[in-house]
Amino acid sequence: KDIEFIDSYYYNKLELTRFSSSVGKFVGFTEQGVKIAAAWNNDASFLSGEKALKEVYCLNHVQIEYNNML
């Protein structure tokens, strides 16, 4: 419940858009990023793929990383 997956996209050191698993969609931070986020949010297969990445990256590795830190 406390794990959040964030996937950010940058261009020239400027964050354009970000997917957050707690929000469940892409959010744009620039004019171009808002357009990109809207297009990606309207693509159901791409959006569901991003949502699945939380399980792939976070939930499958959290116990391993937690044990390594202890």
Protein backbone atom coordinates (compact mmCIF):
# COMPACT_ATOMS: atom_id res chain seq x y z
CA LYS A 1 0.00 0.00 0.00
CA ASP A 2 2.89 2.34 0.74
CA ILE A 3 4.65 1.70 -2.57
CA GLU A 4 4.33 4.16 -5.42
CA PHE A 5 5.65 3.64 -8.95
CA ILE A 6 6.68 6.84 -10.75
CA ASP A 7 7.72 6.95 -14.41
CA SER A 8 8.95 10.40 -15.49
CA TYR A 9 9.85 11.58 -18.98
CA TYR A 10 12.36 14.39 -19.46
CA TYR A 11 13.66 16.40 -22.39
CA ASN A 12 16.59 18.81 -21.97
CA LYS A 13 16.49 18.31 -18.18
CA LEU A 14 12.85 19.45 -18.08
CA GLU A 15 10.20 17.04 -16.86
CA LEU A 16 7.48 16.85 -19.49
CA THR A 17 5.16 14.22 -18.08
CA ARG A 18 4.94 11.73 -15.23
CA PHE A 19 2.96 8.59 -14.49
CA SER A 20 2.23 7.97 -10.83
CA SER A 21 0.64 4.72 -9.69
CA SER A 22 -1.16 6.54 -6.88
CA VAL A 23 -2.82 8.89 -9.40
CA GLY A 24 -3.26 6.15 -12.01
CA LYS A 25 -2.64 8.33 -15.03
CA PHE A 26 -0.10 10.60 -16.72
CA VAL A 27 0.20 14.24 -15.71
CA GLY A 28 1.86 16.86 -17.93
CA PHE A 29 4.04 19.66 -16.59
CA THR A 30 4.63 21.68 -19.76
CA GLU A 31 2.39 22.61 -22.67
CA GLN A 32 3.83 19.76 -24.74
CA GLY A 33 3.75 17.43 -21.72
CA VAL A 34 0.03 18.04 -21.21
CA LYS A 35 -0.62 17.05 -24.84
CA ILE A 36 1.52 13.92 -24.51
CA ALA A 37 -0.15 12.98 -21.21
CA ALA A 38 -3.61 13.37 -22.72
CA ALA A 39 -2.70 11.14 -25.67
CA TRP A 40 -1.16 8.46 -23.43
CA ASN A 41 -4.12 8.58 -21.01
CA ASN A 42 -6.48 7.97 -23.95
CA ASP A 43 -4.52 4.87 -25.01
CA ALA A 44 -6.03 2.15 -22.78
CA SER A 45 -3.40 -0.48 -23.56
CA PHE A 46 -0.48 1.87 -22.89
CA LEU A 47 -2.07 3.09 -19.66
CA SER A 48 -2.77 -0.44 -18.40
CA GLY A 49 0.84 -1.35 -19.21
CA GLU A 50 2.09 1.50 -17.02
CA LYS A 51 -0.22 0.42 -14.20
CA ALA A 52 1.17 -3.12 -14.43
CA LEU A 53 4.74 -1.87 -14.05
CA LYS A 54 4.15 -1.25 -10.34
CA GLU A 55 3.82 -4.99 -9.83
CA VAL A 56 6.70 -5.80 -12.16
CA TYR A 57 9.24 -3.38 -10.67
CA CYS A 58 8.06 -2.62 -7.16
CA LEU A 59 6.05 -5.44 -5.67
CA ASN A 60 8.34 -8.20 -6.97
CA HIS A 61 11.50 -6.53 -5.64
CA VAL A 62 10.48 -4.70 -2.48
CA GLN A 63 11.22 -7.60 -0.12
CA ILE A 64 14.64 -8.18 -1.69
CA GLU A 65 15.58 -4.50 -1.43
CA TYR A 66 14.22 -4.26 2.11
CA ASN A 67 16.29 -7.26 3.21
CA ASN A 68 19.42 -5.83 1.57
CA MET A 69 19.04 -2.56 3.47
CA LEU A 70 18.79 -4.36 6.80
